[in-house]
Amino acid sequence: MLYRSEKVDLMIRKEGDVRNWLRKEVGERVFWIEPGAGSTVGFPDALVTKDGGLIPVELKAGRIRNGIWIDGKKRGLRPSQKIVMRKMWALGIRPLLIVGRLGTSDVGRVDTLAAISGEVPLVWEKIEKFDLILRN
């Protein structure tokens, strides 16, 4: 972490740093999913509460160039994650895909449907405040 006066900025180096960002953004409104015996392989990393419901959130760290997640095709969602997210999508559940930009403190959103469909390029949109994307 980098320290600048009283403010602490997060430097994204790995997926765990994106977890820390989400924890900071939503506090007690996040529930973490940890794989274990009998769990669903590919289930998103976290559930965030919104209006009495839960939103699945998959977190990644990656390289972004000109607004495109350039390693998303190669290092993006695993096949098991795509399967689970497709099932969720078919049931009307809209998981979020959040990608932290390596080497910066920037975090953004990638279109989940594009990612699970294998579309390229995967457009990355910087998030200023997590609660703002929950309004959509």
C-alpha atoms as a PDB file:
ATOM      1  CA  MET A   1       0.000   0.000   0.000  1.00  0.00           C
ATOM      2  CA  LEU A   2       1.105   3.522  -0.670  1.00  0.00           C
ATOM      3  CA  TYR A   3       0.689   6.179   1.983  1.00  0.00           C
ATOM      4  CA  ARG A   4       0.038   9.762   0.939  1.00  0.00           C
ATOM      5  CA  SER A   5      -0.472  12.134   3.861  1.00  0.00           C
ATOM      6  CA  GLU A   6      -3.597  10.961   5.730  1.00  0.00           C
ATOM      7  CA  LYS A   7      -5.093   9.176   2.726  1.00  0.00           C
ATOM      8  CA  VAL A   8      -4.305   5.540   1.956  1.00  0.00           C
ATOM      9  CA  ASP A   9      -4.343   4.543  -1.710  1.00  0.00           C
ATOM     10  CA  LEU A  10      -4.508   0.925  -2.746  1.00  0.00           C
ATOM     11  CA  MET A  11      -2.064  -0.325  -5.371  1.00  0.00           C
ATOM     12  CA  ILE A  12      -3.457  -3.279  -7.344  1.00  0.00           C
ATOM     13  CA  ARG A  13      -0.861  -6.046  -7.557  1.00  0.00           C
ATOM     14  CA  LYS A  14      -3.097  -9.117  -7.257  1.00  0.00           C
ATOM     15  CA  GLU A  15      -6.744 -10.145  -6.878  1.00  0.00           C
ATOM     16  CA  GLY A  16      -6.523  -9.820  -3.086  1.00  0.00           C
ATOM     17  CA  ASP A  17      -6.003  -6.078  -3.521  1.00  0.00           C
ATOM     18  CA  VAL A  18      -9.305  -5.891  -5.421  1.00  0.00           C
ATOM     19  CA  ARG A  19     -10.926  -7.725  -2.485  1.00  0.00           C
ATOM     20  CA  ASN A  20      -9.537  -5.064  -0.159  1.00  0.00           C
ATOM     21  CA  TRP A  21     -10.978  -2.350  -2.401  1.00  0.00           C
ATOM     22  CA  LEU A  22     -14.438  -3.967  -2.322  1.00  0.00           C
ATOM     23  CA  ARG A  23     -14.257  -4.399   1.466  1.00  0.00           C
ATOM     24  CA  LYS A  24     -13.422  -0.697   1.792  1.00  0.00           C
ATOM     25  CA  GLU A  25     -16.262   0.293  -0.558  1.00  0.00           C
ATOM     26  CA  VAL A  26     -19.103  -1.721   0.967  1.00  0.00           C
ATOM     27  CA  GLY A  27     -17.935  -2.663   4.474  1.00  0.00           C
ATOM     28  CA  GLU A  28     -20.311  -5.011   6.266  1.00  0.00           C
ATOM     29  CA  ARG A  29     -22.506  -5.407   3.162  1.00  0.00           C
ATOM     30  CA  VAL A  30     -20.167  -7.986   1.601  1.00  0.00           C
ATOM     31  CA  PHE A  31     -20.171 -11.733   2.184  1.00  0.00           C
ATOM     32  CA  TRP A  32     -17.094 -13.652   0.999  1.00  0.00           C
ATOM     33  CA  ILE A  33     -17.286 -17.037  -0.682  1.00  0.00           C
ATOM     34  CA  GLU A  34     -14.461 -19.475   0.072  1.00  0.00           C
ATOM     35  CA  PRO A  35     -14.266 -22.725  -1.904  1.00  0.00           C
ATOM     36  CA  GLY A  36     -14.438 -25.891   0.114  1.00  0.00           C
ATOM     37  CA  ALA A  37     -15.600 -29.484  -0.028  1.00  0.00           C
ATOM     38  CA  GLY A  38     -19.077 -29.606  -1.537  1.00  0.00           C
ATOM     39  CA  SER A  39     -19.036 -26.001  -2.773  1.00  0.00           C
ATOM     40  CA  THR A  40     -20.009 -24.964  -6.300  1.00  0.00           C
ATOM     41  CA  VAL A  41     -16.823 -24.718  -8.356  1.00  0.00           C
ATOM     42  CA  GLY A  42     -16.705 -21.391 -10.165  1.00  0.00           C
ATOM     43  CA  PHE A  43     -19.021 -19.494  -7.803  1.00  0.00           C
ATOM     44  CA  PRO A  44     -18.212 -15.732  -7.672  1.00  0.00           C
ATOM     45  CA  ASP A  45     -15.900 -14.402  -4.962  1.00  0.00           C
ATOM     46  CA  ALA A  46     -18.440 -12.367  -3.012  1.00  0.00           C
ATOM     47  CA  LEU A  47     -22.080 -11.466  -2.499  1.00  0.00           C
ATOM     48  CA  VAL A  48     -22.970  -7.805  -1.947  1.00  0.00           C
ATOM     49  CA  THR A  49     -26.299  -6.768  -0.469  1.00  0.00           C
ATOM     50  CA  LYS A  50     -28.629  -4.418  -2.335  1.00  0.00           C
ATOM     51  CA  ASP A  51     -32.234  -3.627  -1.403  1.00  0.00           C
ATOM     52  CA  GLY A  52     -32.676  -6.865   0.514  1.00  0.00           C
ATOM     53  CA  GLY A  53     -31.120  -8.963  -2.256  1.00  0.00           C
ATOM     54  CA  LEU A  54     -27.668 -10.283  -3.048  1.00  0.00           C
ATOM     55  CA  ILE A  55     -25.482  -9.513  -6.072  1.00  0.00           C
ATOM     56  CA  PRO A  56     -22.728 -12.004  -6.967  1.00  0.00           C
ATOM     57  CA  VAL A  57     -19.391 -10.286  -7.639  1.00  0.00           C
ATOM     58  CA  GLU A  58     -16.385 -11.864  -9.350  1.00  0.00           C
ATOM     59  CA  LEU A  59     -13.082 -10.079  -8.736  1.00  0.00           C
ATOM     60  CA  LYS A  60     -10.005 -10.100 -10.962  1.00  0.00           C
ATOM     61  CA  ALA A  61      -6.762  -8.161 -11.368  1.00  0.00           C
ATOM     62  CA  GLY A  62      -5.494  -7.538 -14.881  1.00  0.00           C
ATOM     63  CA  ARG A  63      -3.819  -5.375 -17.450  1.00  0.00           C
ATOM     64  CA  ILE A  64      -5.886  -2.577 -18.973  1.00  0.00           C
ATOM     65  CA  ARG A  65      -4.872  -0.678 -22.103  1.00  0.00           C
ATOM     66  CA  ASN A  66      -6.999   2.029 -23.741  1.00  0.00           C
ATOM     67  CA  GLY A  67     -10.065   0.898 -21.789  1.00  0.00           C
ATOM     68  CA  ILE A  68      -9.701  -2.760 -22.786  1.00  0.00           C
ATOM     69  CA  TRP A  69      -8.980  -5.651 -20.412  1.00  0.00           C
ATOM     70  CA  ILE A  70      -6.158  -6.973 -22.589  1.00  0.00           C
ATOM     71  CA  ASP A  71      -5.447 -10.193 -20.710  1.00  0.00           C
ATOM     72  CA  GLY A  72      -9.115 -10.944 -20.090  1.00  0.00           C
ATOM     73  CA  LYS A  73      -9.320 -13.585 -22.802  1.00  0.00           C
ATOM     74  CA  LYS A  74      -6.269 -15.473 -21.533  1.00  0.00           C
ATOM     75  CA  ARG A  75      -6.312 -14.816 -17.774  1.00  0.00           C
ATOM     76  CA  GLY A  76      -9.968 -13.883 -17.350  1.00  0.00           C
ATOM     77  CA  LEU A  77     -12.809 -16.082 -16.213  1.00  0.00           C
ATOM     78  CA  ARG A  78     -12.112 -19.778 -15.852  1.00  0.00           C
ATOM     79  CA  PRO A  79     -14.462 -22.167 -17.715  1.00  0.00           C
ATOM     80  CA  SER A  80     -16.149 -23.137 -14.412  1.00  0.00           C
ATOM     81  CA  GLN A  81     -16.777 -19.454 -13.628  1.00  0.00           C
ATOM     82  CA  LYS A  82     -18.322 -18.902 -17.061  1.00  0.00           C
ATOM     83  CA  ILE A  83     -20.620 -21.901 -16.571  1.00  0.00           C
ATOM     84  CA  VAL A  84     -21.844 -20.670 -13.174  1.00  0.00           C
ATOM     85  CA  MET A  85     -22.341 -17.112 -14.444  1.00  0.00           C
ATOM     86  CA  ARG A  86     -24.245 -18.348 -17.514  1.00  0.00           C
ATOM     87  CA  LYS A  87     -26.548 -20.343 -15.233  1.00  0.00           C
ATOM     88  CA  MET A  88     -27.061 -17.274 -13.046  1.00  0.00           C
ATOM     89  CA  TRP A  89     -27.767 -15.132 -16.106  1.00  0.00           C
ATOM     90  CA  ALA A  90     -30.356 -17.663 -17.349  1.00  0.00           C
ATOM     91  CA  LEU A  91     -32.082 -17.435 -13.954  1.00  0.00           C
ATOM     92  CA  GLY A  92     -32.230 -13.634 -14.105  1.00  0.00           C
ATOM     93  CA  ILE A  93     -29.320 -13.080 -11.709  1.00  0.00           C
ATOM     94  CA  ARG A  94     -26.863 -10.432 -12.955  1.00  0.00           C
ATOM     95  CA  PRO A  95     -23.386 -11.016 -11.513  1.00  0.00           C
ATOM     96  CA  LEU A  96     -20.819  -8.225 -11.655  1.00  0.00           C
ATOM     97  CA  LEU A  97     -17.290  -8.630 -12.981  1.00  0.00           C
ATOM     98  CA  ILE A  98     -14.889  -6.196 -11.296  1.00  0.00           C
ATOM     99  CA  VAL A  99     -11.293  -5.905 -12.532  1.00  0.00           C
ATOM    100  CA  GLY A 100      -8.522  -4.023 -10.753  1.00  0.00           C
ATOM    101  CA  ARG A 101      -5.970  -2.410 -13.064  1.00  0.00           C
ATOM    102  CA  LEU A 102      -2.529  -3.803 -12.230  1.00  0.00           C
ATOM    103  CA  GLY A 103       0.024  -1.229 -11.104  1.00  0.00           C
ATOM    104  CA  THR A 104      -2.597   1.406 -10.301  1.00  0.00           C
ATOM    105  CA  SER A 105      -5.322   2.026  -7.742  1.00  0.00           C
ATOM    106  CA  ASP A 106      -8.004   1.931 -10.472  1.00  0.00           C
ATOM    107  CA  VAL A 107     -10.852  -0.555 -10.353  1.00  0.00           C
ATOM    108  CA  GLY A 108     -13.387  -1.016 -13.122  1.00  0.00           C
ATOM    109  CA  ARG A 109     -16.300  -3.003 -14.372  1.00  0.00           C
ATOM    110  CA  VAL A 110     -16.293  -5.359 -17.355  1.00  0.00           C
ATOM    111  CA  ASP A 111     -19.528  -6.392 -19.060  1.00  0.00           C
ATOM    112  CA  THR A 112     -20.273  -9.807 -17.556  1.00  0.00           C
ATOM    113  CA  LEU A 113     -22.353 -11.014 -20.491  1.00  0.00           C
ATOM    114  CA  ALA A 114     -19.514 -10.185 -22.911  1.00  0.00           C
ATOM    115  CA  ALA A 115     -17.019 -12.028 -20.694  1.00  0.00           C
ATOM    116  CA  ILE A 116     -19.114 -15.190 -20.361  1.00  0.00           C
ATOM    117  CA  SER A 117     -19.910 -15.149 -24.086  1.00  0.00           C
ATOM    118  CA  GLY A 118     -16.246 -14.970 -25.089  1.00  0.00           C
ATOM    119  CA  GLU A 119     -16.620 -11.597 -26.816  1.00  0.00           C
ATOM    120  CA  VAL A 120     -13.545  -9.492 -27.411  1.00  0.00           C
ATOM    121  CA  PRO A 121     -12.511  -6.859 -26.796  1.00  0.00           C
ATOM    122  CA  LEU A 122     -13.585  -6.764 -23.161  1.00  0.00           C
ATOM    123  CA  VAL A 123     -14.299  -3.109 -22.441  1.00  0.00           C
ATOM    124  CA  TRP A 124     -13.271  -1.912 -18.960  1.00  0.00           C
ATOM    125  CA  GLU A 125     -15.020   1.079 -17.336  1.00  0.00           C
ATOM    126  CA  LYS A 126     -13.412   2.711 -14.320  1.00  0.00           C
ATOM    127  CA  ILE A 127     -15.545   2.762 -11.173  1.00  0.00           C
ATOM    128  CA  GLU A 128     -15.511   5.944  -9.123  1.00  0.00           C
ATOM    129  CA  LYS A 129     -17.845   4.604  -6.411  1.00  0.00           C
ATOM    130  CA  PHE A 130     -19.141   1.030  -6.156  1.00  0.00           C
ATOM    131  CA  ASP A 131     -22.621   2.068  -4.989  1.00  0.00           C
ATOM    132  CA  LEU A 132     -23.106   4.026  -8.217  1.00  0.00           C
ATOM    133  CA  ILE A 133     -22.956   0.876 -10.344  1.00  0.00           C
ATOM    134  CA  LEU A 134     -25.467  -0.838  -8.054  1.00  0.00           C
ATOM    135  CA  ARG A 135     -28.095   1.717  -9.099  1.00  0.00           C
ATOM    136  CA  ASN A 136     -28.250   0.294 -12.634  1.00  0.00           C
END
